[in-house]
Amino acid sequence: IMADAGFDDYPVEWWHFTLSDEPYPDTYFD
C-alpha cells in the first residue's frame, strides 16, 4: 500500500516509511 503511494520502506522496521521523492532530503528541522 505504501509503495504504491510513493514510499520506500525501512527493512528492519515494518512500521517505518519515507516518501521516495522527499522535498528536504538534507535538512533536519527542529
Full PDB file with SEQRES, HELIX, SHEET, SSBOND, CRYST1, ORIGX, SCALE, CONECT and MASTER records, all heavy atoms in Angstrom:
SEQRES   1 A   30  ILE MET ALA ASP ALA GLY PHE ASP ASP TYR PRO VAL GLU          
SEQRES   2 A   30  TRP TRP HIS PHE THR LEU SER ASP GLU PRO TYR PRO ASP          
SEQRES   3 A   30  THR TYR PHE ASP                                              
SHEET    1 AA1 2 PHE A   7  TYR A  10  0                                        
SHEET    2 AA1 2 GLU A  13  LEU A  19 -1                                        
CRYST1    1.000    1.000    1.000  90.00  90.00  90.00 P 1           1          
ORIGX1      1.000000  0.000000  0.000000        0.00000                         
ORIGX2      0.000000  1.000000  0.000000        0.00000                         
ORIGX3      0.000000  0.000000  1.000000        0.00000                         
SCALE1      1.000000  0.000000  0.000000        0.00000                         
SCALE2      0.000000  1.000000  0.000000        0.00000                         
SCALE3      0.000000  0.000000  1.000000        0.00000                         
ATOM      1  N   ILE A   1       0.841  -1.201   0.000  1.00  0.00           N  
ATOM      2  CA  ILE A   1       0.000   0.000   0.000  1.00  0.00           C  
ATOM      3  C   ILE A   1       0.874   1.248   0.000  1.00  0.00           C  
ATOM      4  O   ILE A   1       0.637   2.204  -0.756  1.00  0.00           O  
ATOM      5  CB  ILE A   1      -0.958  -0.010   1.208  1.00  0.00           C  
ATOM      6  CG1 ILE A   1      -2.059  -1.038   0.995  1.00  0.00           C  
ATOM      7  CG2 ILE A   1      -1.547   1.377   1.448  1.00  0.00           C  
ATOM      8  CD1 ILE A   1      -2.958  -1.244   2.210  1.00  0.00           C  
ATOM      9  N   MET A   2       1.901   1.233   0.832  1.00  0.00           N  
ATOM     10  CA  MET A   2       2.763   2.403   0.936  1.00  0.00           C  
ATOM     11  C   MET A   2       3.627   2.578  -0.310  1.00  0.00           C  
ATOM     12  O   MET A   2       3.834   3.703  -0.778  1.00  0.00           O  
ATOM     13  CB  MET A   2       3.631   2.286   2.189  1.00  0.00           C  
ATOM     14  CG  MET A   2       2.834   2.305   3.498  1.00  0.00           C  
ATOM     15  SD  MET A   2       1.903   3.833   3.732  1.00  0.00           S  
ATOM     16  CE  MET A   2       3.246   4.964   4.112  1.00  0.00           C  
ATOM     17  N   ALA A   3       4.113   1.484  -0.858  1.00  0.00           N  
ATOM     18  CA  ALA A   3       4.927   1.576  -2.077  1.00  0.00           C  
ATOM     19  C   ALA A   3       4.111   2.152  -3.228  1.00  0.00           C  
ATOM     20  O   ALA A   3       4.603   3.002  -3.997  1.00  0.00           O  
ATOM     21  CB  ALA A   3       5.477   0.202  -2.441  1.00  0.00           C  
ATOM     22  N   ASP A   4       2.873   1.720  -3.352  1.00  0.00           N  
ATOM     23  CA  ASP A   4       2.015   2.217  -4.430  1.00  0.00           C  
ATOM     24  C   ASP A   4       1.735   3.712  -4.278  1.00  0.00           C  
ATOM     25  O   ASP A   4       1.442   4.394  -5.277  1.00  0.00           O  
ATOM     26  CB  ASP A   4       0.690   1.449  -4.451  1.00  0.00           C  
ATOM     27  CG  ASP A   4       0.857   0.021  -4.963  1.00  0.00           C  
ATOM     28  OD1 ASP A   4       1.913  -0.290  -5.547  1.00  0.00           O  
ATOM     29  OD2 ASP A   4      -0.075  -0.785  -4.747  1.00  0.00           O  
ATOM     30  N   ALA A   5       1.828   4.212  -3.028  1.00  0.00           N  
ATOM     31  CA  ALA A   5       1.585   5.632  -2.788  1.00  0.00           C  
ATOM     32  C   ALA A   5       2.866   6.461  -2.867  1.00  0.00           C  
ATOM     33  O   ALA A   5       2.831   7.679  -2.670  1.00  0.00           O  
ATOM     34  CB  ALA A   5       0.928   5.826  -1.414  1.00  0.00           C  
ATOM     35  N   GLY A   6       4.006   5.800  -3.140  1.00  0.00           N  
ATOM     36  CA  GLY A   6       5.245   6.545  -3.336  1.00  0.00           C  
ATOM     37  C   GLY A   6       6.221   6.528  -2.185  1.00  0.00           C  
ATOM     38  O   GLY A   6       7.087   7.410  -2.101  1.00  0.00           O  
ATOM     39  N   PHE A   7       6.129   5.523  -1.314  1.00  0.00           N  
ATOM     40  CA  PHE A   7       7.008   5.450  -0.144  1.00  0.00           C  
ATOM     41  C   PHE A   7       8.004   4.302  -0.261  1.00  0.00           C  
ATOM     42  O   PHE A   7       7.706   3.246  -0.832  1.00  0.00           O  
ATOM     43  CB  PHE A   7       6.185   5.240   1.130  1.00  0.00           C  
ATOM     44  CG  PHE A   7       5.377   6.429   1.556  1.00  0.00           C  
ATOM     45  CD1 PHE A   7       4.106   6.655   1.040  1.00  0.00           C  
ATOM     46  CD2 PHE A   7       5.884   7.340   2.477  1.00  0.00           C  
ATOM     47  CE1 PHE A   7       3.357   7.746   1.427  1.00  0.00           C  
ATOM     48  CE2 PHE A   7       5.150   8.440   2.874  1.00  0.00           C  
ATOM     49  CZ  PHE A   7       3.876   8.645   2.354  1.00  0.00           C  
ATOM     50  N   ASP A   8       9.187   4.499   0.324  1.00  0.00           N  
ATOM     51  CA  ASP A   8      10.188   3.451   0.477  1.00  0.00           C  
ATOM     52  C   ASP A   8      10.125   2.921   1.899  1.00  0.00           C  
ATOM     53  O   ASP A   8       9.977   3.694   2.856  1.00  0.00           O  
ATOM     54  CB  ASP A   8      11.594   3.991   0.214  1.00  0.00           C  
ATOM     55  CG  ASP A   8      11.781   4.463  -1.222  1.00  0.00           C  
ATOM     56  OD1 ASP A   8      11.192   3.837  -2.119  1.00  0.00           O  
ATOM     57  OD2 ASP A   8      12.507   5.457  -1.422  1.00  0.00           O  
ATOM     58  N   ASP A   9      10.238   1.605   2.047  1.00  0.00           N  
ATOM     59  CA  ASP A   9      10.204   1.030   3.389  1.00  0.00           C  
ATOM     60  C   ASP A   9      11.604   0.989   3.983  1.00  0.00           C  
ATOM     61  O   ASP A   9      12.609   1.155   3.293  1.00  0.00           O  
ATOM     62  CB  ASP A   9       9.609  -0.373   3.357  1.00  0.00           C  
ATOM     63  CG  ASP A   9      10.529  -1.367   2.676  1.00  0.00           C  
ATOM     64  OD1 ASP A   9      10.931  -1.110   1.529  1.00  0.00           O  
ATOM     65  OD2 ASP A   9      10.863  -2.394   3.293  1.00  0.00           O  
ATOM     66  N   TYR A  10      11.676   0.766   5.285  1.00  0.00           N  
ATOM     67  CA  TYR A  10      12.931   0.580   6.021  1.00  0.00           C  
ATOM     68  C   TYR A  10      12.925  -0.868   6.480  1.00  0.00           C  
ATOM     69  O   TYR A  10      12.183  -1.220   7.397  1.00  0.00           O  
ATOM     70  CB  TYR A  10      12.984   1.555   7.191  1.00  0.00           C  
ATOM     71  CG  TYR A  10      14.255   1.531   7.997  1.00  0.00           C  
ATOM     72  CD1 TYR A  10      15.504   1.522   7.379  1.00  0.00           C  
ATOM     73  CD2 TYR A  10      14.210   1.548   9.388  1.00  0.00           C  
ATOM     74  CE1 TYR A  10      16.669   1.527   8.116  1.00  0.00           C  
ATOM     75  CE2 TYR A  10      15.370   1.552  10.135  1.00  0.00           C  
ATOM     76  CZ  TYR A  10      16.599   1.538   9.496  1.00  0.00           C  
ATOM     77  OH  TYR A  10      17.761   1.542  10.233  1.00  0.00           O  
ATOM     78  N   PRO A  11      13.695  -1.760   5.863  1.00  0.00           N  
ATOM     79  CA  PRO A  11      13.520  -3.203   6.036  1.00  0.00           C  
ATOM     80  C   PRO A  11      13.628  -3.728   7.462  1.00  0.00           C  
ATOM     81  O   PRO A  11      13.050  -4.769   7.765  1.00  0.00           O  
ATOM     82  CB  PRO A  11      14.627  -3.802   5.156  1.00  0.00           C  
ATOM     83  CG  PRO A  11      14.878  -2.755   4.118  1.00  0.00           C  
ATOM     84  CD  PRO A  11      14.703  -1.446   4.838  1.00  0.00           C  
ATOM     85  N   VAL A  12      14.326  -3.023   8.355  1.00  0.00           N  
ATOM     86  CA  VAL A  12      14.478  -3.557   9.716  1.00  0.00           C  
ATOM     87  C   VAL A  12      13.368  -3.111  10.658  1.00  0.00           C  
ATOM     88  O   VAL A  12      13.326  -3.540  11.818  1.00  0.00           O  
ATOM     89  CB  VAL A  12      15.859  -3.196  10.309  1.00  0.00           C  
ATOM     90  CG1 VAL A  12      16.971  -3.816   9.493  1.00  0.00           C  
ATOM     91  CG2 VAL A  12      16.047  -1.698  10.419  1.00  0.00           C  
ATOM     92  N   GLU A  13      12.467  -2.250  10.173  1.00  0.00           N  
ATOM     93  CA  GLU A  13      11.319  -1.814  10.973  1.00  0.00           C  
ATOM     94  C   GLU A  13      10.069  -1.836  10.090  1.00  0.00           C  
ATOM     95  O   GLU A  13       9.941  -1.017   9.169  1.00  0.00           O  
ATOM     96  CB  GLU A  13      11.529  -0.393  11.527  1.00  0.00           C  
ATOM     97  CG  GLU A  13      12.674  -0.286  12.528  1.00  0.00           C  
ATOM     98  CD  GLU A  13      12.924   1.147  12.979  1.00  0.00           C  
ATOM     99  OE1 GLU A  13      12.355   2.089  12.389  1.00  0.00           O  
ATOM    100  OE2 GLU A  13      13.700   1.320  13.939  1.00  0.00           O  
ATOM    101  N   TRP A  14       9.160  -2.742  10.337  1.00  0.00           N  
ATOM    102  CA  TRP A  14       7.998  -2.907   9.463  1.00  0.00           C  
ATOM    103  C   TRP A  14       7.127  -1.662   9.406  1.00  0.00           C  
ATOM    104  O   TRP A  14       6.353  -1.475   8.447  1.00  0.00           O  
ATOM    105  CB  TRP A  14       7.173  -4.122   9.897  1.00  0.00           C  
ATOM    106  CG  TRP A  14       6.640  -4.088  11.301  1.00  0.00           C  
ATOM    107  CD1 TRP A  14       7.133  -4.742  12.391  1.00  0.00           C  
ATOM    108  CD2 TRP A  14       5.483  -3.357  11.779  1.00  0.00           C  
ATOM    109  NE1 TRP A  14       6.381  -4.467  13.526  1.00  0.00           N  
ATOM    110  CE2 TRP A  14       5.368  -3.624  13.167  1.00  0.00           C  
ATOM    111  CE3 TRP A  14       4.549  -2.516  11.162  1.00  0.00           C  
ATOM    112  CZ2 TRP A  14       4.353  -3.075  13.955  1.00  0.00           C  
ATOM    113  CZ3 TRP A  14       3.535  -1.956  11.945  1.00  0.00           C  
ATOM    114  CH2 TRP A  14       3.450  -2.246  13.319  1.00  0.00           C  
ATOM    115  N   TRP A  15       7.204  -0.784  10.395  1.00  0.00           N  
ATOM    116  CA  TRP A  15       6.310   0.374  10.511  1.00  0.00           C  
ATOM    117  C   TRP A  15       6.866   1.643   9.858  1.00  0.00           C  
ATOM    118  O   TRP A  15       6.173   2.649   9.796  1.00  0.00           O  
ATOM    119  CB  TRP A  15       6.067   0.672  11.997  1.00  0.00           C  
ATOM    120  CG  TRP A  15       7.343   0.871  12.787  1.00  0.00           C  
ATOM    121  CD1 TRP A  15       8.098   2.017  12.883  1.00  0.00           C  
ATOM    122  CD2 TRP A  15       8.026  -0.117  13.561  1.00  0.00           C  
ATOM    123  NE1 TRP A  15       9.192   1.810  13.664  1.00  0.00           N  
ATOM    124  CE2 TRP A  15       9.182   0.504  14.102  1.00  0.00           C  
ATOM    125  CE3 TRP A  15       7.775  -1.450  13.872  1.00  0.00           C  
ATOM    126  CZ2 TRP A  15      10.088  -0.173  14.923  1.00  0.00           C  
ATOM    127  CZ3 TRP A  15       8.671  -2.131  14.689  1.00  0.00           C  
ATOM    128  CH2 TRP A  15       9.808  -1.505  15.212  1.00  0.00           C  
ATOM    129  N   HIS A  16       8.073   1.650   9.356  1.00  0.00           N  
ATOM    130  CA  HIS A  16       8.817   2.867   9.013  1.00  0.00           C  
ATOM    131  C   HIS A  16       8.879   3.070   7.496  1.00  0.00           C  
ATOM    132  O   HIS A  16       9.377   2.216   6.773  1.00  0.00           O  
ATOM    133  CB  HIS A  16      10.231   2.722   9.591  1.00  0.00           C  
ATOM    134  CG  HIS A  16      11.139   3.890   9.382  1.00  0.00           C  
ATOM    135  ND1 HIS A  16      11.668   4.609  10.420  1.00  0.00           N  
ATOM    136  CD2 HIS A  16      11.636   4.449   8.251  1.00  0.00           C  
ATOM    137  CE1 HIS A  16      12.464   5.556   9.946  1.00  0.00           C  
ATOM    138  NE2 HIS A  16      12.458   5.481   8.621  1.00  0.00           N  
ATOM    139  N   PHE A  17       8.398   4.246   7.018  1.00  0.00           N  
ATOM    140  CA  PHE A  17       8.355   4.547   5.589  1.00  0.00           C  
ATOM    141  C   PHE A  17       8.748   6.003   5.328  1.00  0.00           C  
ATOM    142  O   PHE A  17       8.418   6.889   6.116  1.00  0.00           O  
ATOM    143  CB  PHE A  17       6.954   4.294   5.025  1.00  0.00           C  
ATOM    144  CG  PHE A  17       6.523   2.857   5.108  1.00  0.00           C  
ATOM    145  CD1 PHE A  17       5.901   2.367   6.253  1.00  0.00           C  
ATOM    146  CD2 PHE A  17       6.764   1.985   4.060  1.00  0.00           C  
ATOM    147  CE1 PHE A  17       5.514   1.036   6.347  1.00  0.00           C  
ATOM    148  CE2 PHE A  17       6.382   0.650   4.135  1.00  0.00           C  
ATOM    149  CZ  PHE A  17       5.760   0.178   5.286  1.00  0.00           C  
ATOM    150  N   THR A  18       9.425   6.223   4.213  1.00  0.00           N  
ATOM    151  CA  THR A  18       9.853   7.563   3.812  1.00  0.00           C  
ATOM    152  C   THR A  18       9.401   7.840   2.383  1.00  0.00           C  
ATOM    153  O   THR A  18       9.524   6.976   1.513  1.00  0.00           O  
ATOM    154  CB  THR A  18      11.387   7.700   3.897  1.00  0.00           C  
ATOM    155  OG1 THR A  18      11.806   7.489   5.252  1.00  0.00           O  
ATOM    156  CG2 THR A  18      11.841   9.091   3.451  1.00  0.00           C  
ATOM    157  N   LEU A  19       8.881   9.028   2.143  1.00  0.00           N  
ATOM    158  CA  LEU A  19       8.467   9.415   0.800  1.00  0.00           C  
ATOM    159  C   LEU A  19       9.669   9.339  -0.133  1.00  0.00           C  
ATOM    160  O   LEU A  19      10.730   9.911   0.145  1.00  0.00           O  
ATOM    161  CB  LEU A  19       7.892  10.826   0.824  1.00  0.00           C  
ATOM    162  CG  LEU A  19       7.247  11.316  -0.482  1.00  0.00           C  
ATOM    163  CD1 LEU A  19       5.966  10.543  -0.771  1.00  0.00           C  
ATOM    164  CD2 LEU A  19       6.950  12.814  -0.389  1.00  0.00           C  
ATOM    165  N   SER A  20       9.520   8.648  -1.242  1.00  0.00           N  
ATOM    166  CA  SER A  20      10.646   8.425  -2.161  1.00  0.00           C  
ATOM    167  C   SER A  20      11.244   9.736  -2.664  1.00  0.00           C  
ATOM    168  O   SER A  20      12.458   9.900  -2.734  1.00  0.00           O  
ATOM    169  CB  SER A  20      10.190   7.574  -3.344  1.00  0.00           C  
ATOM    170  OG  SER A  20       9.669   6.336  -2.922  1.00  0.00           O  
ATOM    171  N   ASP A  21      10.375  10.678  -3.012  1.00  0.00           N  
ATOM    172  CA  ASP A  21      10.818  11.960  -3.554  1.00  0.00           C  
ATOM    173  C   ASP A  21      10.630  13.042  -2.497  1.00  0.00           C  
ATOM    174  O   ASP A  21       9.936  14.030  -2.711  1.00  0.00           O  
ATOM    175  CB  ASP A  21      10.026  12.281  -4.827  1.00  0.00           C  
ATOM    176  CG  ASP A  21      10.613  13.459  -5.594  1.00  0.00           C  
ATOM    177  OD1 ASP A  21      11.789  13.779  -5.373  1.00  0.00           O  
ATOM    178  OD2 ASP A  21       9.878  14.058  -6.406  1.00  0.00           O  
ATOM    179  N   GLU A  22      11.294  12.861  -1.352  1.00  0.00           N  
ATOM    180  CA  GLU A  22      11.086  13.801  -0.252  1.00  0.00           C  
ATOM    181  C   GLU A  22      11.656  15.176  -0.602  1.00  0.00           C  
ATOM    182  O   GLU A  22      12.711  15.291  -1.237  1.00  0.00           O  
ATOM    183  CB  GLU A  22      11.702  13.279   1.045  1.00  0.00           C  
ATOM    184  CG  GLU A  22      13.187  12.986   1.014  1.00  0.00           C  
ATOM    185  CD  GLU A  22      13.701  12.527   2.369  1.00  0.00           C  
ATOM    186  OE1 GLU A  22      13.402  13.178   3.375  1.00  0.00           O  
ATOM    187  OE2 GLU A  22      14.417  11.516   2.399  1.00  0.00           O  
ATOM    188  N   PRO A  23      10.964  16.255  -0.193  1.00  0.00           N  
ATOM    189  CA  PRO A  23      11.379  17.600  -0.597  1.00  0.00           C  
ATOM    190  C   PRO A  23      12.588  18.152   0.150  1.00  0.00           C  
ATOM    191  O   PRO A  23      13.227  19.088  -0.324  1.00  0.00           O  
ATOM    192  CB  PRO A  23      10.132  18.448  -0.323  1.00  0.00           C  
ATOM    193  CG  PRO A  23       9.393  17.701   0.732  1.00  0.00           C  
ATOM    194  CD  PRO A  23       9.648  16.253   0.455  1.00  0.00           C  
ATOM    195  N   TYR A  24      12.912  17.609   1.333  1.00  0.00           N  
ATOM    196  CA  TYR A  24      14.036  18.119   2.126  1.00  0.00           C  
ATOM    197  C   TYR A  24      14.993  16.975   2.493  1.00  0.00           C  
ATOM    198  O   TYR A  24      15.154  16.626   3.663  1.00  0.00           O  
ATOM    199  CB  TYR A  24      13.535  18.792   3.408  1.00  0.00           C  
ATOM    200  CG  TYR A  24      12.615  19.967   3.177  1.00  0.00           C  
ATOM    201  CD1 TYR A  24      11.243  19.852   3.398  1.00  0.00           C  
ATOM    202  CD2 TYR A  24      13.113  21.197   2.752  1.00  0.00           C  
ATOM    203  CE1 TYR A  24      10.391  20.930   3.184  1.00  0.00           C  
ATOM    204  CE2 TYR A  24      12.274  22.292   2.550  1.00  0.00           C  
ATOM    205  CZ  TYR A  24      10.914  22.143   2.767  1.00  0.00           C  
ATOM    206  OH  TYR A  24      10.082  23.215   2.556  1.00  0.00           O  
ATOM    207  N   PRO A  25      15.653  16.382   1.516  1.00  0.00           N  
ATOM    208  CA  PRO A  25      16.471  15.198   1.800  1.00  0.00           C  
ATOM    209  C   PRO A  25      17.700  15.459   2.655  1.00  0.00           C  
ATOM    210  O   PRO A  25      18.265  14.518   3.223  1.00  0.00           O  
ATOM    211  CB  PRO A  25      16.878  14.719   0.401  1.00  0.00           C  
ATOM    212  CG  PRO A  25      16.826  15.949  -0.451  1.00  0.00           C  
ATOM    213  CD  PRO A  25      15.671  16.740   0.091  1.00  0.00           C  
ATOM    214  N   ASP A  26      18.121  16.724   2.784  1.00  0.00           N  
ATOM    215  CA  ASP A  26      19.334  17.039   3.540  1.00  0.00           C  
ATOM    216  C   ASP A  26      19.099  18.029   4.674  1.00  0.00           C  
ATOM    217  O   ASP A  26      20.048  18.589   5.223  1.00  0.00           O  
ATOM    218  CB  ASP A  26      20.403  17.606   2.586  1.00  0.00           C  
ATOM    219  CG  ASP A  26      20.752  16.634   1.474  1.00  0.00           C  
ATOM    220  OD1 ASP A  26      21.047  15.467   1.784  1.00  0.00           O  
ATOM    221  OD2 ASP A  26      20.710  17.046   0.294  1.00  0.00           O  
ATOM    222  N   THR A  27      17.850  18.267   5.030  1.00  0.00           N  
ATOM    223  CA  THR A  27      17.525  19.278   6.037  1.00  0.00           C  
ATOM    224  C   THR A  27      16.841  18.639   7.233  1.00  0.00           C  
ATOM    225  O   THR A  27      15.856  17.914   7.075  1.00  0.00           O  
ATOM    226  CB  THR A  27      16.615  20.370   5.440  1.00  0.00           C  
ATOM    227  OG1 THR A  27      17.228  20.896   4.260  1.00  0.00           O  
ATOM    228  CG2 THR A  27      16.401  21.498   6.431  1.00  0.00           C  
ATOM    229  N   TYR A  28      17.345  18.932   8.427  1.00  0.00           N  
ATOM    230  CA  TYR A  28      16.818  18.361   9.664  1.00  0.00           C  
ATOM    231  C   TYR A  28      16.249  19.499  10.502  1.00  0.00           C  
ATOM    232  O   TYR A  28      16.981  20.342  11.012  1.00  0.00           O  
ATOM    233  CB  TYR A  28      17.928  17.604  10.423  1.00  0.00           C  
ATOM    234  CG  TYR A  28      18.436  16.421   9.629  1.00  0.00           C  
ATOM    235  CD1 TYR A  28      19.363  16.590   8.595  1.00  0.00           C  
ATOM    236  CD2 TYR A  28      17.958  15.145   9.885  1.00  0.00           C  
ATOM    237  CE1 TYR A  28      19.801  15.512   7.844  1.00  0.00           C  
ATOM    238  CE2 TYR A  28      18.393  14.059   9.131  1.00  0.00           C  
ATOM    239  CZ  TYR A  28      19.316  14.252   8.104  1.00  0.00           C  
ATOM    240  OH  TYR A  28      19.737  13.183   7.357  1.00  0.00           O  
ATOM    241  N   PHE A  29      14.926  19.535  10.621  1.00  0.00           N  
ATOM    242  CA  PHE A  29      14.236  20.637  11.274  1.00  0.00           C  
ATOM    243  C   PHE A  29      14.115  20.412  12.788  1.00  0.00           C  
ATOM    244  O   PHE A  29      14.219  19.288  13.266  1.00  0.00           O  
ATOM    245  CB  PHE A  29      12.844  20.814  10.662  1.00  0.00           C  
ATOM    246  CG  PHE A  29      12.869  21.188   9.206  1.00  0.00           C  
ATOM    247  CD1 PHE A  29      12.721  20.217   8.225  1.00  0.00           C  
ATOM    248  CD2 PHE A  29      13.050  22.514   8.821  1.00  0.00           C  
ATOM    249  CE1 PHE A  29      12.738  20.561   6.872  1.00  0.00           C  
ATOM    250  CE2 PHE A  29      13.068  22.867   7.470  1.00  0.00           C  
ATOM    251  CZ  PHE A  29      12.919  21.883   6.503  1.00  0.00           C  
ATOM    252  N   ASP A  30      13.859  21.520  13.502  1.00  0.00           N  
ATOM    253  CA  ASP A  30      13.841  21.426  14.964  1.00  0.00           C  
ATOM    254  C   ASP A  30      12.690  22.182  15.604  1.00  0.00           C  
ATOM    255  O   ASP A  30      12.744  22.538  16.774  1.00  0.00           O  
ATOM    256  CB  ASP A  30      15.178  21.938  15.531  1.00  0.00           C  
ATOM    257  CG  ASP A  30      15.361  21.551  16.989  1.00  0.00           C  
ATOM    258  OD1 ASP A  30      14.844  20.495  17.418  1.00  0.00           O  
ATOM    259  OD2 ASP A  30      15.993  22.327  17.731  1.00  0.00           O  
TER     260      ASP A  30                                                      
MASTER        0    0    0    0    2    0    0    6  259    1    0    3          
END                                                                             
